[in-house]
Amino acid sequence: YRYRVNVILLDFAKDPAIVFTTLIDWLRTNQPEL
């Protein structure tokens, strides 16, 4: 499978770096070649 995943967070009241750090950590394990 090759696809684009989309994520939307609504009314987010914290630092967006929390979301992006989590995403990057997730990519390190699940899609490291990116």
PDB file of all heavy atoms in Angstrom:
ATOM      1  N   TYR A   1       0.869  -1.179   0.000  1.00  0.00           N
ATOM      2  CA  TYR A   1       0.000   0.000   0.000  1.00  0.00           C
ATOM      3  C   TYR A   1       0.903   1.225   0.000  1.00  0.00           C
ATOM      4  O   TYR A   1       1.886   1.282   0.739  1.00  0.00           O
ATOM      5  CB  TYR A   1      -0.838   0.085   1.289  1.00  0.00           C
ATOM      6  CG  TYR A   1      -1.926  -0.917   1.473  1.00  0.00           C
ATOM      7  CD1 TYR A   1      -1.858  -1.852   2.491  1.00  0.00           C
ATOM      8  CD2 TYR A   1      -3.062  -0.889   0.677  1.00  0.00           C
ATOM      9  CE1 TYR A   1      -2.887  -2.754   2.713  1.00  0.00           C
ATOM     10  CE2 TYR A   1      -4.098  -1.790   0.894  1.00  0.00           C
ATOM     11  CZ  TYR A   1      -3.997  -2.715   1.907  1.00  0.00           C
ATOM     12  OH  TYR A   1      -5.021  -3.593   2.125  1.00  0.00           O
ATOM     13  N   ARG A   2       0.541   2.222  -0.761  1.00  0.00           N
ATOM     14  CA  ARG A   2       1.207   3.524  -0.721  1.00  0.00           C
ATOM     15  C   ARG A   2       0.103   4.569  -0.663  1.00  0.00           C
ATOM     16  O   ARG A   2      -0.783   4.583  -1.529  1.00  0.00           O
ATOM     17  CB  ARG A   2       2.068   3.740  -1.966  1.00  0.00           C
ATOM     18  CG  ARG A   2       3.213   2.760  -2.055  1.00  0.00           C
ATOM     19  CD  ARG A   2       4.013   2.929  -3.310  1.00  0.00           C
ATOM     20  NE  ARG A   2       5.073   1.927  -3.352  1.00  0.00           N
ATOM     21  CZ  ARG A   2       5.810   1.682  -4.423  1.00  0.00           C
ATOM     22  NH1 ARG A   2       5.609   2.370  -5.529  1.00  0.00           N
ATOM     23  NH2 ARG A   2       6.747   0.768  -4.371  1.00  0.00           N
ATOM     24  N   TYR A   3       0.159   5.428   0.356  1.00  0.00           N
ATOM     25  CA  TYR A   3      -0.937   6.370   0.534  1.00  0.00           C
ATOM     26  C   TYR A   3      -0.519   7.573   1.351  1.00  0.00           C
ATOM     27  O   TYR A   3       0.524   7.574   1.986  1.00  0.00           O
ATOM     28  CB  TYR A   3      -2.137   5.686   1.193  1.00  0.00           C
ATOM     29  CG  TYR A   3      -1.846   5.054   2.534  1.00  0.00           C
ATOM     30  CD1 TYR A   3      -1.927   5.794   3.718  1.00  0.00           C
ATOM     31  CD2 TYR A   3      -1.490   3.711   2.625  1.00  0.00           C
ATOM     32  CE1 TYR A   3      -1.672   5.209   4.948  1.00  0.00           C
ATOM     33  CE2 TYR A   3      -1.238   3.131   3.852  1.00  0.00           C
ATOM     34  CZ  TYR A   3      -1.322   3.878   5.005  1.00  0.00           C
ATOM     35  OH  TYR A   3      -1.063   3.299   6.222  1.00  0.00           O
ATOM     36  N   ARG A   4      -1.365   8.558   1.319  1.00  0.00           N
ATOM     37  CA  ARG A   4      -1.169   9.742   2.140  1.00  0.00           C
ATOM     38  C   ARG A   4      -2.097   9.642   3.342  1.00  0.00           C
ATOM     39  O   ARG A   4      -3.283   9.377   3.195  1.00  0.00           O
ATOM     40  CB  ARG A   4      -1.481  11.014   1.349  1.00  0.00           C
ATOM     41  CG  ARG A   4      -1.247  12.284   2.175  1.00  0.00           C
ATOM     42  CD  ARG A   4      -1.333  13.499   1.319  1.00  0.00           C
ATOM     43  NE  ARG A   4      -2.730  13.857   1.132  1.00  0.00           N
ATOM     44  CZ  ARG A   4      -3.142  15.044   0.717  1.00  0.00           C
ATOM     45  NH1 ARG A   4      -2.267  15.979   0.407  1.00  0.00           N
ATOM     46  NH2 ARG A   4      -4.418  15.286   0.574  1.00  0.00           N
ATOM     47  N   VAL A   5      -1.529   9.832   4.527  1.00  0.00           N
ATOM     48  CA  VAL A   5      -2.346   9.880   5.735  1.00  0.00           C
ATOM     49  C   VAL A   5      -2.495  11.347   6.125  1.00  0.00           C
ATOM     50  O   VAL A   5      -1.572  12.146   5.981  1.00  0.00           O
ATOM     51  CB  VAL A   5      -1.753   9.038   6.886  1.00  0.00           C
ATOM     52  CG1 VAL A   5      -0.462   9.607   7.408  1.00  0.00           C
ATOM     53  CG2 VAL A   5      -2.755   8.874   8.010  1.00  0.00           C
ATOM     54  N   ASN A   6      -3.695  11.676   6.543  1.00  0.00           N
ATOM     55  CA  ASN A   6      -4.039  13.040   6.928  1.00  0.00           C
ATOM     56  C   ASN A   6      -4.471  13.037   8.385  1.00  0.00           C
ATOM     57  O   ASN A   6      -5.199  12.150   8.814  1.00  0.00           O
ATOM     58  CB  ASN A   6      -5.199  13.557   6.074  1.00  0.00           C
ATOM     59  CG  ASN A   6      -4.911  13.403   4.603  1.00  0.00           C
ATOM     60  OD1 ASN A   6      -4.240  14.211   4.017  1.00  0.00           O
ATOM     61  ND2 ASN A   6      -5.406  12.320   4.008  1.00  0.00           N
ATOM     62  N   VAL A   7      -4.044  14.051   9.107  1.00  0.00           N
ATOM     63  CA  VAL A   7      -4.404  14.195  10.515  1.00  0.00           C
ATOM     64  C   VAL A   7      -4.903  15.614  10.723  1.00  0.00           C
ATOM     65  O   VAL A   7      -4.273  16.569  10.248  1.00  0.00           O
ATOM     66  CB  VAL A   7      -3.184  13.958  11.432  1.00  0.00           C
ATOM     67  CG1 VAL A   7      -3.535  14.190  12.890  1.00  0.00           C
ATOM     68  CG2 VAL A   7      -2.608  12.567  11.222  1.00  0.00           C
ATOM     69  N   ILE A   8      -6.013  15.742  11.396  1.00  0.00           N
ATOM     70  CA  ILE A   8      -6.493  17.074  11.789  1.00  0.00           C
ATOM     71  C   ILE A   8      -6.744  17.056  13.293  1.00  0.00           C
ATOM     72  O   ILE A   8      -7.410  16.159  13.806  1.00  0.00           O
ATOM     73  CB  ILE A   8      -7.780  17.482  11.041  1.00  0.00           C
ATOM     74  CG1 ILE A   8      -7.464  17.755   9.574  1.00  0.00           C
ATOM     75  CG2 ILE A   8      -8.398  18.723  11.681  1.00  0.00           C
ATOM     76  CD1 ILE A   8      -8.620  18.272   8.772  1.00  0.00           C
ATOM     77  N   LEU A   9      -6.170  18.044  13.964  1.00  0.00           N
ATOM     78  CA  LEU A   9      -6.417  18.283  15.388  1.00  0.00           C
ATOM     79  C   LEU A   9      -7.139  19.611  15.497  1.00  0.00           C
ATOM     80  O   LEU A   9      -6.632  20.631  15.020  1.00  0.00           O
ATOM     81  CB  LEU A   9      -5.093  18.351  16.152  1.00  0.00           C
ATOM     82  CG  LEU A   9      -4.400  17.016  16.292  1.00  0.00           C
ATOM     83  CD1 LEU A   9      -2.970  17.135  15.868  1.00  0.00           C
ATOM     84  CD2 LEU A   9      -4.509  16.560  17.721  1.00  0.00           C
ATOM     85  N   LEU A  10      -8.298  19.592  16.110  1.00  0.00           N
ATOM     86  CA  LEU A  10      -9.113  20.803  16.234  1.00  0.00           C
ATOM     87  C   LEU A  10      -9.001  21.394  17.632  1.00  0.00           C
ATOM     88  O   LEU A  10      -8.870  20.665  18.619  1.00  0.00           O
ATOM     89  CB  LEU A  10     -10.576  20.478  15.929  1.00  0.00           C
ATOM     90  CG  LEU A  10     -10.860  19.927  14.531  1.00  0.00           C
ATOM     91  CD1 LEU A  10     -12.317  19.514  14.415  1.00  0.00           C
ATOM     92  CD2 LEU A  10     -10.480  20.938  13.468  1.00  0.00           C
ATOM     93  N   ASP A  11      -9.052  22.719  17.682  1.00  0.00           N
ATOM     94  CA  ASP A  11      -9.036  23.450  18.958  1.00  0.00           C
ATOM     95  C   ASP A  11      -7.856  23.032  19.837  1.00  0.00           C
ATOM     96  O   ASP A  11      -7.995  22.814  21.036  1.00  0.00           O
ATOM     97  CB  ASP A  11     -10.346  23.241  19.726  1.00  0.00           C
ATOM     98  CG  ASP A  11     -11.537  23.809  18.973  1.00  0.00           C
ATOM     99  OD1 ASP A  11     -11.369  24.819  18.274  1.00  0.00           O
ATOM    100  OD2 ASP A  11     -12.634  23.226  19.086  1.00  0.00           O
ATOM    101  N   PHE A  12      -6.692  22.967  19.243  1.00  0.00           N
ATOM    102  CA  PHE A  12      -5.499  22.531  19.971  1.00  0.00           C
ATOM    103  C   PHE A  12      -4.930  23.707  20.756  1.00  0.00           C
ATOM    104  O   PHE A  12      -4.571  24.734  20.181  1.00  0.00           O
ATOM    105  CB  PHE A  12      -4.455  21.972  19.000  1.00  0.00           C
ATOM    106  CG  PHE A  12      -3.344  21.247  19.665  1.00  0.00           C
ATOM    107  CD1 PHE A  12      -3.560  20.024  20.262  1.00  0.00           C
ATOM    108  CD2 PHE A  12      -2.066  21.791  19.699  1.00  0.00           C
ATOM    109  CE1 PHE A  12      -2.535  19.343  20.894  1.00  0.00           C
ATOM    110  CE2 PHE A  12      -1.042  21.119  20.323  1.00  0.00           C
ATOM    111  CZ  PHE A  12      -1.266  19.895  20.922  1.00  0.00           C
ATOM    112  N   ALA A  13      -4.826  23.548  22.083  1.00  0.00           N
ATOM    113  CA  ALA A  13      -4.434  24.659  22.955  1.00  0.00           C
ATOM    114  C   ALA A  13      -3.060  24.459  23.593  1.00  0.00           C
ATOM    115  O   ALA A  13      -2.722  25.142  24.540  1.00  0.00           O
ATOM    116  CB  ALA A  13      -5.488  24.863  24.038  1.00  0.00           C
ATOM    117  N   LYS A  14      -2.262  23.538  23.063  1.00  0.00           N
ATOM    118  CA  LYS A  14      -0.909  23.312  23.575  1.00  0.00           C
ATOM    119  C   LYS A  14       0.090  23.699  22.487  1.00  0.00           C
ATOM    120  O   LYS A  14      -0.291  24.087  21.386  1.00  0.00           O
ATOM    121  CB  LYS A  14      -0.732  21.857  23.975  1.00  0.00           C
ATOM    122  CG  LYS A  14      -1.618  21.443  25.136  1.00  0.00           C
ATOM    123  CD  LYS A  14      -1.388  20.001  25.504  1.00  0.00           C
ATOM    124  CE  LYS A  14      -2.288  19.605  26.666  1.00  0.00           C
ATOM    125  NZ  LYS A  14      -2.075  18.217  27.068  1.00  0.00           N
ATOM    126  N   ASP A  15       1.358  23.544  22.790  1.00  0.00           N
ATOM    127  CA  ASP A  15       2.407  23.838  21.815  1.00  0.00           C
ATOM    128  C   ASP A  15       2.357  22.794  20.689  1.00  0.00           C
ATOM    129  O   ASP A  15       2.438  21.590  20.971  1.00  0.00           O
ATOM    130  CB  ASP A  15       3.765  23.812  22.511  1.00  0.00           C
ATOM    131  CG  ASP A  15       4.901  24.300  21.624  1.00  0.00           C
ATOM    132  OD1 ASP A  15       4.798  24.189  20.384  1.00  0.00           O
ATOM    133  OD2 ASP A  15       5.891  24.786  22.184  1.00  0.00           O
ATOM    134  N   PRO A  16       2.238  23.198  19.431  1.00  0.00           N
ATOM    135  CA  PRO A  16       2.206  22.229  18.321  1.00  0.00           C
ATOM    136  C   PRO A  16       3.446  21.339  18.255  1.00  0.00           C
ATOM    137  O   PRO A  16       3.400  20.261  17.673  1.00  0.00           O
ATOM    138  CB  PRO A  16       2.094  23.115  17.082  1.00  0.00           C
ATOM    139  CG  PRO A  16       1.442  24.359  17.572  1.00  0.00           C
ATOM    140  CD  PRO A  16       1.966  24.558  18.962  1.00  0.00           C
ATOM    141  N   ALA A  17       4.537  21.757  18.882  1.00  0.00           N
ATOM    142  CA  ALA A  17       5.743  20.927  18.887  1.00  0.00           C
ATOM    143  C   ALA A  17       5.474  19.567  19.519  1.00  0.00           C
ATOM    144  O   ALA A  17       6.121  18.570  19.156  1.00  0.00           O
ATOM    145  CB  ALA A  17       6.875  21.639  19.618  1.00  0.00           C
ATOM    146  N   ILE A  18       4.522  19.483  20.436  1.00  0.00           N
ATOM    147  CA  ILE A  18       4.151  18.197  21.050  1.00  0.00           C
ATOM    148  C   ILE A  18       3.657  17.236  19.963  1.00  0.00           C
ATOM    149  O   ILE A  18       4.047  16.070  19.916  1.00  0.00           O
ATOM    150  CB  ILE A  18       3.056  18.397  22.122  1.00  0.00           C
ATOM    151  CG1 ILE A  18       3.586  19.244  23.271  1.00  0.00           C
ATOM    152  CG2 ILE A  18       2.509  17.058  22.611  1.00  0.00           C
ATOM    153  CD1 ILE A  18       2.501  19.745  24.212  1.00  0.00           C
ATOM    154  N   VAL A  19       2.841  17.738  19.074  1.00  0.00           N
ATOM    155  CA  VAL A  19       2.287  16.915  17.992  1.00  0.00           C
ATOM    156  C   VAL A  19       3.387  16.506  17.024  1.00  0.00           C
ATOM    157  O   VAL A  19       3.504  15.326  16.660  1.00  0.00           O
ATOM    158  CB  VAL A  19       1.173  17.683  17.246  1.00  0.00           C
ATOM    159  CG1 VAL A  19       0.683  16.900  16.039  1.00  0.00           C
ATOM    160  CG2 VAL A  19       0.035  18.014  18.189  1.00  0.00           C
ATOM    161  N   PHE A  20       4.216  17.453  16.628  1.00  0.00           N
ATOM    162  CA  PHE A  20       5.235  17.156  15.629  1.00  0.00           C
ATOM    163  C   PHE A  20       6.343  16.265  16.188  1.00  0.00           C
ATOM    164  O   PHE A  20       6.858  15.400  15.474  1.00  0.00           O
ATOM    165  CB  PHE A  20       5.780  18.446  15.023  1.00  0.00           C
ATOM    166  CG  PHE A  20       4.751  19.131  14.169  1.00  0.00           C
ATOM    167  CD1 PHE A  20       4.165  20.315  14.578  1.00  0.00           C
ATOM    168  CD2 PHE A  20       4.328  18.581  12.978  1.00  0.00           C
ATOM    169  CE1 PHE A  20       3.194  20.935  13.810  1.00  0.00           C
ATOM    170  CE2 PHE A  20       3.356  19.182  12.200  1.00  0.00           C
ATOM    171  CZ  PHE A  20       2.786  20.372  12.615  1.00  0.00           C
ATOM    172  N   THR A  21       6.691  16.428  17.451  1.00  0.00           N
ATOM    173  CA  THR A  21       7.675  15.537  18.075  1.00  0.00           C
ATOM    174  C   THR A  21       7.137  14.110  18.120  1.00  0.00           C
ATOM    175  O   THR A  21       7.855  13.156  17.810  1.00  0.00           O
ATOM    176  CB  THR A  21       8.007  16.024  19.501  1.00  0.00           C
ATOM    177  OG1 THR A  21       8.538  17.336  19.420  1.00  0.00           O
ATOM    178  CG2 THR A  21       9.013  15.116  20.181  1.00  0.00           C
ATOM    179  N   THR A  22       5.878  13.967  18.467  1.00  0.00           N
ATOM    180  CA  THR A  22       5.246  12.648  18.494  1.00  0.00           C
ATOM    181  C   THR A  22       5.246  12.037  17.099  1.00  0.00           C
ATOM    182  O   THR A  22       5.558  10.850  16.929  1.00  0.00           O
ATOM    183  CB  THR A  22       3.809  12.759  19.041  1.00  0.00           C
ATOM    184  OG1 THR A  22       3.867  13.335  20.349  1.00  0.00           O
ATOM    185  CG2 THR A  22       3.124  11.404  19.090  1.00  0.00           C
ATOM    186  N   LEU A  23       4.905  12.827  16.100  1.00  0.00           N
ATOM    187  CA  LEU A  23       4.881  12.337  14.721  1.00  0.00           C
ATOM    188  C   LEU A  23       6.268  11.897  14.267  1.00  0.00           C
ATOM    189  O   LEU A  23       6.429  10.815  13.691  1.00  0.00           O
ATOM    190  CB  LEU A  23       4.329  13.404  13.780  1.00  0.00           C
ATOM    191  CG  LEU A  23       4.363  13.069  12.290  1.00  0.00           C
ATOM    192  CD1 LEU A  23       3.529  11.837  11.976  1.00  0.00           C
ATOM    193  CD2 LEU A  23       3.892  14.260  11.481  1.00  0.00           C
ATOM    194  N   ILE A  24       7.285  12.705  14.522  1.00  0.00           N
ATOM    195  CA  ILE A  24       8.647  12.364  14.103  1.00  0.00           C
ATOM    196  C   ILE A  24       9.111  11.082  14.816  1.00  0.00           C
ATOM    197  O   ILE A  24       9.708  10.206  14.186  1.00  0.00           O
ATOM    198  CB  ILE A  24       9.615  13.538  14.361  1.00  0.00           C
ATOM    199  CG1 ILE A  24       9.233  14.748  13.517  1.00  0.00           C
ATOM    200  CG2 ILE A  24      11.057  13.120  14.112  1.00  0.00           C
ATOM    201  CD1 ILE A  24       9.213  14.526  12.027  1.00  0.00           C
ATOM    202  N   ASP A  25       8.840  10.968  16.101  1.00  0.00           N
ATOM    203  CA  ASP A  25       9.202   9.746  16.818  1.00  0.00           C
ATOM    204  C   ASP A  25       8.489   8.538  16.222  1.00  0.00           C
ATOM    205  O   ASP A  25       9.076   7.464  16.065  1.00  0.00           O
ATOM    206  CB  ASP A  25       8.857   9.868  18.304  1.00  0.00           C
ATOM    207  CG  ASP A  25       9.816  10.765  19.064  1.00  0.00           C
ATOM    208  OD1 ASP A  25      10.903  11.084  18.531  1.00  0.00           O
ATOM    209  OD2 ASP A  25       9.476  11.168  20.194  1.00  0.00           O
ATOM    210  N   TRP A  26       7.215   8.722  15.869  1.00  0.00           N
ATOM    211  CA  TRP A  26       6.454   7.633  15.262  1.00  0.00           C
ATOM    212  C   TRP A  26       7.055   7.257  13.903  1.00  0.00           C
ATOM    213  O   TRP A  26       7.202   6.074  13.576  1.00  0.00           O
ATOM    214  CB  TRP A  26       4.987   8.039  15.139  1.00  0.00           C
ATOM    215  CG  TRP A  26       4.112   6.954  14.608  1.00  0.00           C
ATOM    216  CD1 TRP A  26       3.493   5.972  15.326  1.00  0.00           C
ATOM    217  CD2 TRP A  26       3.770   6.732  13.241  1.00  0.00           C
ATOM    218  NE1 TRP A  26       2.781   5.157  14.478  1.00  0.00           N
ATOM    219  CE2 TRP A  26       2.938   5.601  13.199  1.00  0.00           C
ATOM    220  CE3 TRP A  26       4.092   7.379  12.060  1.00  0.00           C
ATOM    221  CZ2 TRP A  26       2.421   5.106  11.999  1.00  0.00           C
ATOM    222  CZ3 TRP A  26       3.572   6.881  10.858  1.00  0.00           C
ATOM    223  CH2 TRP A  26       2.753   5.754  10.854  1.00  0.00           C
ATOM    224  N   LEU A  27       7.428   8.255  13.104  1.00  0.00           N
ATOM    225  CA  LEU A  27       8.030   7.992  11.791  1.00  0.00           C
ATOM    226  C   LEU A  27       9.359   7.255  11.918  1.00  0.00           C
ATOM    227  O   LEU A  27       9.686   6.419  11.071  1.00  0.00           O
ATOM    228  CB  LEU A  27       8.232   9.296  11.010  1.00  0.00           C
ATOM    229  CG  LEU A  27       6.976   9.948  10.449  1.00  0.00           C
ATOM    230  CD1 LEU A  27       7.298  11.325   9.884  1.00  0.00           C
ATOM    231  CD2 LEU A  27       6.320   9.071   9.396  1.00  0.00           C
ATOM    232  N   ARG A  28      10.138   7.554  12.944  1.00  0.00           N
ATOM    233  CA  ARG A  28      11.428   6.872  13.139  1.00  0.00           C
ATOM    234  C   ARG A  28      11.252   5.356  13.189  1.00  0.00           C
ATOM    235  O   ARG A  28      12.103   4.619  12.724  1.00  0.00           O
ATOM    236  CB  ARG A  28      12.085   7.337  14.438  1.00  0.00           C
ATOM    237  CG  ARG A  28      12.777   8.638  14.339  1.00  0.00           C
ATOM    238  CD  ARG A  28      13.581   8.957  15.615  1.00  0.00           C
ATOM    239  NE  ARG A  28      14.232  10.228  15.446  1.00  0.00           N
ATOM    240  CZ  ARG A  28      13.800  11.370  15.987  1.00  0.00           C
ATOM    241  NH1 ARG A  28      12.724  11.370  16.755  1.00  0.00           N
ATOM    242  NH2 ARG A  28      14.436  12.490  15.767  1.00  0.00           N
ATOM    243  N   THR A  29      10.156   4.906  13.754  1.00  0.00           N
ATOM    244  CA  THR A  29       9.889   3.473  13.872  1.00  0.00           C
ATOM    245  C   THR A  29       9.089   2.935  12.691  1.00  0.00           C
ATOM    246  O   THR A  29       9.358   1.850  12.188  1.00  0.00           O
ATOM    247  CB  THR A  29       9.101   3.186  15.173  1.00  0.00           C
ATOM    248  OG1 THR A  29       9.874   3.640  16.268  1.00  0.00           O
ATOM    249  CG2 THR A  29       8.789   1.712  15.322  1.00  0.00           C
ATOM    250  N   ASN A  30       8.106   3.694  12.222  1.00  0.00           N
ATOM    251  CA  ASN A  30       7.129   3.183  11.264  1.00  0.00           C
ATOM    252  C   ASN A  30       7.370   3.559   9.810  1.00  0.00           C
ATOM    253  O   ASN A  30       6.774   2.942   8.918  1.00  0.00           O
ATOM    254  CB  ASN A  30       5.730   3.640  11.690  1.00  0.00           C
ATOM    255  CG  ASN A  30       5.329   3.022  12.996  1.00  0.00           C
ATOM    256  OD1 ASN A  30       4.930   1.871  13.037  1.00  0.00           O
ATOM    257  ND2 ASN A  30       5.468   3.761  14.083  1.00  0.00           N
ATOM    258  N   GLN A  31       8.187   4.552   9.543  1.00  0.00           N
ATOM    259  CA  GLN A  31       8.492   4.947   8.171  1.00  0.00           C
ATOM    260  C   GLN A  31       9.874   5.616   8.153  1.00  0.00           C
ATOM    261  O   GLN A  31      10.029   6.748   7.715  1.00  0.00           O
ATOM    262  CB  GLN A  31       7.417   5.913   7.655  1.00  0.00           C
ATOM    263  CG  GLN A  31       7.259   5.945   6.161  1.00  0.00           C
ATOM    264  CD  GLN A  31       6.594   4.697   5.609  1.00  0.00           C
ATOM    265  OE1 GLN A  31       5.596   4.227   6.099  1.00  0.00           O
ATOM    266  NE2 GLN A  31       7.166   4.163   4.551  1.00  0.00           N
ATOM    267  N   PRO A  32      10.904   4.915   8.645  1.00  0.00           N
ATOM    268  CA  PRO A  32      12.209   5.549   8.859  1.00  0.00           C
ATOM    269  C   PRO A  32      12.869   6.103   7.610  1.00  0.00           C
ATOM    270  O   PRO A  32      13.610   7.086   7.689  1.00  0.00           O
ATOM    271  CB  PRO A  32      13.049   4.438   9.494  1.00  0.00           C
ATOM    272  CG  PRO A  32      12.375   3.166   9.104  1.00  0.00           C
ATOM    273  CD  PRO A  32      10.921   3.503   9.006  1.00  0.00           C
ATOM    274  N   GLU A  33      12.595   5.525   6.463  1.00  0.00           N
ATOM    275  CA  GLU A  33      13.262   6.009   5.249  1.00  0.00           C
ATOM    276  C   GLU A  33      12.895   7.454   4.920  1.00  0.00           C
ATOM    277  O   GLU A  33      13.652   8.157   4.259  1.00  0.00           O
ATOM    278  CB  GLU A  33      12.990   5.087   4.060  1.00  0.00           C
ATOM    279  CG  GLU A  33      11.593   5.148   3.484  1.00  0.00           C
ATOM    280  CD  GLU A  33      10.572   4.327   4.246  1.00  0.00           C
ATOM    281  OE1 GLU A  33      10.887   3.736   5.282  1.00  0.00           O
ATOM    282  OE2 GLU A  33       9.426   4.280   3.771  1.00  0.00           O
ATOM    283  N   LEU A  34      11.736   7.917   5.375  1.00  0.00           N
ATOM    284  CA  LEU A  34      11.370   9.323   5.150  1.00  0.00           C
ATOM    285  C   LEU A  34      12.349  10.274   5.820  1.00  0.00           C
ATOM    286  O   LEU A  34      12.567  11.384   5.352  1.00  0.00           O
ATOM    287  CB  LEU A  34       9.966   9.614   5.672  1.00  0.00           C
ATOM    288  CG  LEU A  34       8.788   9.064   4.897  1.00  0.00           C
ATOM    289  CD1 LEU A  34       7.484   9.454   5.578  1.00  0.00           C
ATOM    290  CD2 LEU A  34       8.806   9.511   3.463  1.00  0.00           C
TER     291      LEU A  34
END
